[in-house]
N, C-alpha and C. Protein backbone atom coordinates (compact mmCIF):
# COMPACT_ATOMS: atom_id res chain seq x y z
N UNK A 1 -10.84 13.50 0.70
CA UNK A 1 -10.22 12.21 0.54
C UNK A 1 -8.73 12.38 0.86
N UNK A 2 -8.15 11.32 1.43
CA UNK A 2 -6.73 11.32 1.80
C UNK A 2 -6.09 10.04 1.29
N UNK A 3 -4.77 10.10 1.07
CA UNK A 3 -4.05 8.95 0.52
C UNK A 3 -2.78 8.69 1.30
N UNK A 4 -2.52 7.41 1.53
CA UNK A 4 -1.24 6.98 2.09
C UNK A 4 -0.52 6.24 0.97
N UNK A 5 0.70 6.64 0.68
CA UNK A 5 1.49 6.02 -0.38
C UNK A 5 2.70 5.35 0.26
N UNK A 6 2.82 4.05 0.06
CA UNK A 6 3.96 3.28 0.56
C UNK A 6 4.79 2.84 -0.63
N UNK A 7 6.06 3.26 -0.65
CA UNK A 7 6.94 2.93 -1.77
C UNK A 7 8.02 1.96 -1.30
N UNK A 8 8.20 0.91 -2.08
CA UNK A 8 9.21 -0.11 -1.80
C UNK A 8 10.23 -0.11 -2.93
N UNK A 9 11.50 -0.27 -2.57
CA UNK A 9 12.56 -0.38 -3.57
C UNK A 9 13.53 -1.46 -3.13
N UNK A 10 14.32 -1.94 -4.06
CA UNK A 10 15.28 -2.98 -3.75
C UNK A 10 14.64 -4.34 -3.55
N UNK A 11 13.55 -4.57 -4.28
CA UNK A 11 12.84 -5.85 -4.18
C UNK A 11 13.38 -6.84 -5.21
N UNK A 12 13.39 -8.10 -4.84
CA UNK A 12 13.70 -9.16 -5.77
C UNK A 12 12.46 -9.34 -6.64
N UNK A 13 12.58 -9.11 -7.95
CA UNK A 13 11.44 -9.16 -8.85
C UNK A 13 10.65 -10.45 -8.76
N UNK A 14 11.32 -11.56 -8.49
CA UNK A 14 10.63 -12.85 -8.41
C UNK A 14 9.81 -12.99 -7.13
N UNK A 15 10.16 -12.24 -6.09
CA UNK A 15 9.44 -12.35 -4.82
C UNK A 15 8.24 -11.39 -4.75
N UNK A 16 8.14 -10.47 -5.71
CA UNK A 16 7.03 -9.53 -5.69
C UNK A 16 5.70 -10.27 -5.77
N UNK A 17 5.61 -11.30 -6.60
CA UNK A 17 4.37 -12.09 -6.71
C UNK A 17 3.98 -12.67 -5.35
N UNK A 18 4.98 -13.17 -4.60
CA UNK A 18 4.70 -13.74 -3.29
C UNK A 18 4.13 -12.69 -2.34
N UNK A 19 4.68 -11.50 -2.39
CA UNK A 19 4.22 -10.41 -1.52
C UNK A 19 2.77 -10.05 -1.86
N UNK A 20 2.47 -9.93 -3.14
CA UNK A 20 1.11 -9.56 -3.56
C UNK A 20 0.12 -10.64 -3.13
N UNK A 21 0.46 -11.90 -3.33
CA UNK A 21 -0.43 -13.00 -2.91
C UNK A 21 -0.64 -12.98 -1.39
N UNK A 22 0.43 -12.76 -0.65
CA UNK A 22 0.33 -12.70 0.80
C UNK A 22 -0.58 -11.54 1.23
N UNK A 23 -0.39 -10.39 0.62
CA UNK A 23 -1.19 -9.22 0.97
C UNK A 23 -2.66 -9.46 0.65
N UNK A 24 -2.94 -10.02 -0.51
CA UNK A 24 -4.33 -10.30 -0.88
C UNK A 24 -4.97 -11.30 0.09
N UNK A 25 -4.18 -12.24 0.61
CA UNK A 25 -4.70 -13.25 1.51
C UNK A 25 -4.83 -12.80 2.95
N UNK A 26 -3.99 -11.84 3.38
CA UNK A 26 -3.96 -11.47 4.79
C UNK A 26 -4.24 -9.98 5.04
N UNK A 27 -3.47 -9.12 4.42
CA UNK A 27 -3.52 -7.70 4.76
C UNK A 27 -4.67 -6.92 4.17
N UNK A 28 -5.10 -7.29 2.97
CA UNK A 28 -6.12 -6.52 2.28
C UNK A 28 -7.44 -6.49 3.03
N UNK A 29 -7.89 -7.63 3.50
CA UNK A 29 -9.19 -7.65 4.19
C UNK A 29 -9.14 -6.82 5.47
N UNK A 30 -8.01 -6.81 6.16
CA UNK A 30 -7.88 -5.99 7.37
C UNK A 30 -8.00 -4.51 7.03
N UNK A 31 -7.37 -4.09 5.95
CA UNK A 31 -7.46 -2.68 5.54
C UNK A 31 -8.88 -2.33 5.12
N UNK A 32 -9.51 -3.20 4.35
CA UNK A 32 -10.86 -2.93 3.86
C UNK A 32 -11.86 -2.77 5.00
N UNK A 33 -11.60 -3.39 6.12
CA UNK A 33 -12.51 -3.31 7.26
C UNK A 33 -12.33 -2.04 8.07
N UNK A 34 -11.30 -1.27 7.78
CA UNK A 34 -11.05 -0.05 8.53
C UNK A 34 -12.05 1.03 8.14
N UNK A 35 -12.46 1.81 9.13
CA UNK A 35 -13.39 2.91 8.90
C UNK A 35 -12.81 3.88 7.87
N UNK A 36 -13.62 4.24 6.88
CA UNK A 36 -13.22 5.24 5.90
C UNK A 36 -12.40 4.73 4.74
N UNK A 37 -12.16 3.41 4.66
CA UNK A 37 -11.37 2.86 3.55
C UNK A 37 -12.07 3.18 2.23
N UNK A 38 -11.30 3.74 1.28
CA UNK A 38 -11.87 4.14 0.01
C UNK A 38 -11.32 3.41 -1.20
N UNK A 39 -10.32 2.55 -1.00
CA UNK A 39 -9.76 1.80 -2.11
C UNK A 39 -8.25 1.68 -2.02
N UNK A 40 -7.71 0.86 -2.90
CA UNK A 40 -6.27 0.64 -2.95
C UNK A 40 -5.83 0.42 -4.39
N UNK A 41 -4.65 0.92 -4.70
CA UNK A 41 -4.01 0.67 -5.98
C UNK A 41 -2.58 0.20 -5.68
N UNK A 42 -2.18 -0.90 -6.29
CA UNK A 42 -0.82 -1.41 -6.14
C UNK A 42 -0.21 -1.50 -7.54
N UNK A 43 0.99 -0.96 -7.69
CA UNK A 43 1.70 -1.01 -8.98
C UNK A 43 3.12 -1.49 -8.73
N UNK A 44 3.65 -2.26 -9.69
CA UNK A 44 5.00 -2.79 -9.55
C UNK A 44 5.80 -2.57 -10.82
N UNK A 45 7.10 -2.51 -10.65
CA UNK A 45 8.05 -2.50 -11.75
C UNK A 45 9.01 -3.66 -11.47
N UNK A 46 8.75 -4.78 -12.11
CA UNK A 46 9.54 -5.98 -11.85
C UNK A 46 11.01 -5.79 -12.22
N UNK A 47 11.26 -5.09 -13.30
CA UNK A 47 12.64 -4.91 -13.77
C UNK A 47 13.49 -4.12 -12.78
N UNK A 48 12.91 -3.09 -12.17
CA UNK A 48 13.68 -2.25 -11.24
C UNK A 48 13.52 -2.67 -9.79
N UNK A 49 12.62 -3.63 -9.51
CA UNK A 49 12.41 -4.07 -8.14
C UNK A 49 11.71 -3.05 -7.27
N UNK A 50 10.77 -2.33 -7.86
CA UNK A 50 10.04 -1.30 -7.13
C UNK A 50 8.55 -1.63 -7.08
N UNK A 51 7.91 -1.16 -6.02
CA UNK A 51 6.47 -1.32 -5.88
C UNK A 51 5.93 -0.12 -5.12
N UNK A 52 4.68 0.20 -5.39
CA UNK A 52 4.01 1.29 -4.69
C UNK A 52 2.58 0.86 -4.39
N UNK A 53 2.12 1.20 -3.21
CA UNK A 53 0.73 0.93 -2.82
C UNK A 53 0.13 2.25 -2.34
N UNK A 54 -1.04 2.58 -2.88
CA UNK A 54 -1.72 3.80 -2.46
C UNK A 54 -3.11 3.42 -1.95
N UNK A 55 -3.37 3.75 -0.70
CA UNK A 55 -4.69 3.53 -0.13
C UNK A 55 -5.40 4.87 -0.01
N UNK A 56 -6.71 4.85 -0.22
CA UNK A 56 -7.52 6.06 -0.14
C UNK A 56 -8.42 5.98 1.09
N UNK A 57 -8.61 7.14 1.73
CA UNK A 57 -9.36 7.22 2.98
C UNK A 57 -10.30 8.42 2.94
N UNK A 58 -11.47 8.26 3.54
CA UNK A 58 -12.47 9.33 3.55
C UNK A 58 -11.98 10.58 4.28
N UNK A 59 -11.18 10.41 5.33
CA UNK A 59 -10.69 11.55 6.09
C UNK A 59 -9.27 11.29 6.58
N UNK A 60 -8.61 12.36 6.96
CA UNK A 60 -7.27 12.24 7.54
C UNK A 60 -7.33 11.40 8.82
N UNK A 61 -8.36 11.62 9.62
CA UNK A 61 -8.51 10.86 10.86
C UNK A 61 -8.65 9.36 10.58
N UNK A 62 -9.44 9.00 9.57
CA UNK A 62 -9.59 7.58 9.21
C UNK A 62 -8.25 7.00 8.78
N UNK A 63 -7.51 7.75 7.98
CA UNK A 63 -6.21 7.28 7.51
C UNK A 63 -5.27 7.07 8.70
N UNK A 64 -5.23 8.02 9.60
CA UNK A 64 -4.34 7.93 10.77
C UNK A 64 -4.74 6.76 11.67
N UNK A 65 -6.03 6.52 11.82
CA UNK A 65 -6.49 5.42 12.66
C UNK A 65 -6.14 4.06 12.06
N UNK A 66 -5.91 4.00 10.77
CA UNK A 66 -5.58 2.74 10.11
C UNK A 66 -4.07 2.46 10.10
N UNK A 67 -3.28 3.33 10.68
CA UNK A 67 -1.81 3.19 10.62
C UNK A 67 -1.31 1.87 11.18
N UNK A 68 -1.88 1.40 12.27
CA UNK A 68 -1.40 0.15 12.87
C UNK A 68 -1.58 -1.01 11.90
N UNK A 69 -2.75 -1.10 11.28
CA UNK A 69 -3.03 -2.18 10.33
C UNK A 69 -2.12 -2.06 9.11
N UNK A 70 -1.93 -0.82 8.62
CA UNK A 70 -1.06 -0.61 7.46
C UNK A 70 0.39 -0.96 7.80
N UNK A 71 0.82 -0.60 8.99
CA UNK A 71 2.19 -0.92 9.41
C UNK A 71 2.40 -2.43 9.50
N UNK A 72 1.41 -3.15 10.01
CA UNK A 72 1.51 -4.61 10.08
C UNK A 72 1.61 -5.21 8.68
N UNK A 73 0.83 -4.70 7.73
CA UNK A 73 0.88 -5.20 6.35
C UNK A 73 2.25 -4.93 5.74
N UNK A 74 2.81 -3.74 6.00
CA UNK A 74 4.15 -3.42 5.48
C UNK A 74 5.20 -4.35 6.08
N UNK A 75 5.11 -4.61 7.38
CA UNK A 75 6.09 -5.49 8.04
C UNK A 75 6.05 -6.90 7.46
N UNK A 76 4.86 -7.40 7.18
CA UNK A 76 4.73 -8.73 6.56
C UNK A 76 5.33 -8.72 5.15
N UNK A 77 5.09 -7.63 4.42
CA UNK A 77 5.65 -7.52 3.07
C UNK A 77 7.17 -7.49 3.12
N UNK A 78 7.72 -6.78 4.08
CA UNK A 78 9.17 -6.70 4.24
C UNK A 78 9.74 -8.08 4.55
N UNK A 79 9.07 -8.81 5.45
CA UNK A 79 9.55 -10.15 5.82
C UNK A 79 9.53 -11.10 4.64
N UNK A 80 8.53 -10.96 3.78
CA UNK A 80 8.42 -11.85 2.62
C UNK A 80 9.36 -11.44 1.49
N UNK A 81 9.42 -10.14 1.21
CA UNK A 81 10.17 -9.66 0.05
C UNK A 81 11.64 -9.43 0.33
N UNK A 82 11.98 -9.08 1.56
CA UNK A 82 13.37 -8.80 1.90
C UNK A 82 13.97 -7.66 1.09
N UNK A 83 13.32 -6.48 1.06
CA UNK A 83 13.87 -5.37 0.28
C UNK A 83 15.21 -4.91 0.85
N UNK A 84 16.03 -4.33 0.00
CA UNK A 84 17.32 -3.84 0.45
C UNK A 84 17.22 -2.49 1.14
N UNK A 85 16.04 -1.85 1.05
CA UNK A 85 15.81 -0.56 1.70
C UNK A 85 14.48 -0.57 2.42
N UNK A 86 14.38 0.23 3.45
CA UNK A 86 13.10 0.37 4.17
C UNK A 86 12.10 1.10 3.28
N UNK A 87 10.83 0.76 3.39
CA UNK A 87 9.82 1.47 2.59
C UNK A 87 9.70 2.93 3.03
N UNK A 88 9.26 3.75 2.11
CA UNK A 88 9.00 5.16 2.38
C UNK A 88 7.49 5.32 2.38
N UNK A 89 6.96 5.98 3.41
CA UNK A 89 5.51 6.16 3.54
C UNK A 89 5.22 7.66 3.60
N UNK A 90 4.32 8.10 2.73
CA UNK A 90 3.92 9.50 2.68
C UNK A 90 2.41 9.60 2.80
N UNK A 91 1.94 10.74 3.27
CA UNK A 91 0.51 11.00 3.43
C UNK A 91 0.15 12.25 2.63
N UNK A 92 -1.01 12.19 1.95
CA UNK A 92 -1.44 13.29 1.10
C UNK A 92 -2.93 13.57 1.28
N UNK A 93 -3.31 14.79 0.94
CA UNK A 93 -4.71 15.11 0.74
C UNK A 93 -4.96 15.05 -0.76
N UNK A 94 -5.96 14.31 -1.17
CA UNK A 94 -6.28 14.16 -2.59
C UNK A 94 -7.09 15.37 -3.01
N UNK A 95 -6.57 16.12 -3.99
CA UNK A 95 -7.28 17.32 -4.44
C UNK A 95 -7.87 17.16 -5.82
N UNK A 96 -7.47 16.12 -6.55
CA UNK A 96 -8.03 15.84 -7.86
C UNK A 96 -7.99 14.34 -8.08
N UNK A 97 -9.12 13.78 -8.44
CA UNK A 97 -9.18 12.36 -8.77
C UNK A 97 -10.17 12.22 -9.92
N UNK A 98 -9.72 11.63 -10.98
CA UNK A 98 -10.58 11.44 -12.14
C UNK A 98 -10.34 10.03 -12.67
N UNK A 99 -11.42 9.34 -12.94
CA UNK A 99 -11.32 8.01 -13.52
C UNK A 99 -11.66 8.07 -14.99
N UNK A 100 -11.21 7.10 -15.70
CA UNK A 100 -11.45 7.02 -17.13
C UNK A 100 -12.95 7.17 -17.43
N UNK A 101 -13.26 7.96 -18.41
CA UNK A 101 -14.64 8.16 -18.82
C UNK A 101 -15.39 9.18 -17.98
N UNK A 102 -14.75 9.72 -16.97
CA UNK A 102 -15.43 10.70 -16.11
C UNK A 102 -15.24 12.11 -16.62
């Protein structure tokens, strides 16, 4: 399993809701349709104006092939939220994943 983590900072806390709604309406379905999509987690800190999105992928190749769709989703989020800094995107290999009760 592989993960792409996109971190946003310098967000207007009030606009974060707009970004999430926009992503759920437009970007999420495009990502879900990508080969190897394994899930997504989005977390926000309204007080500090930060957000993070982590997508999971069956393979590194699947993750890399989804870059165009992910980049388009980030660009739309930037246009809506107007962050003061560019997002930071990192790629990882997931070596441990445990869910509650497992």
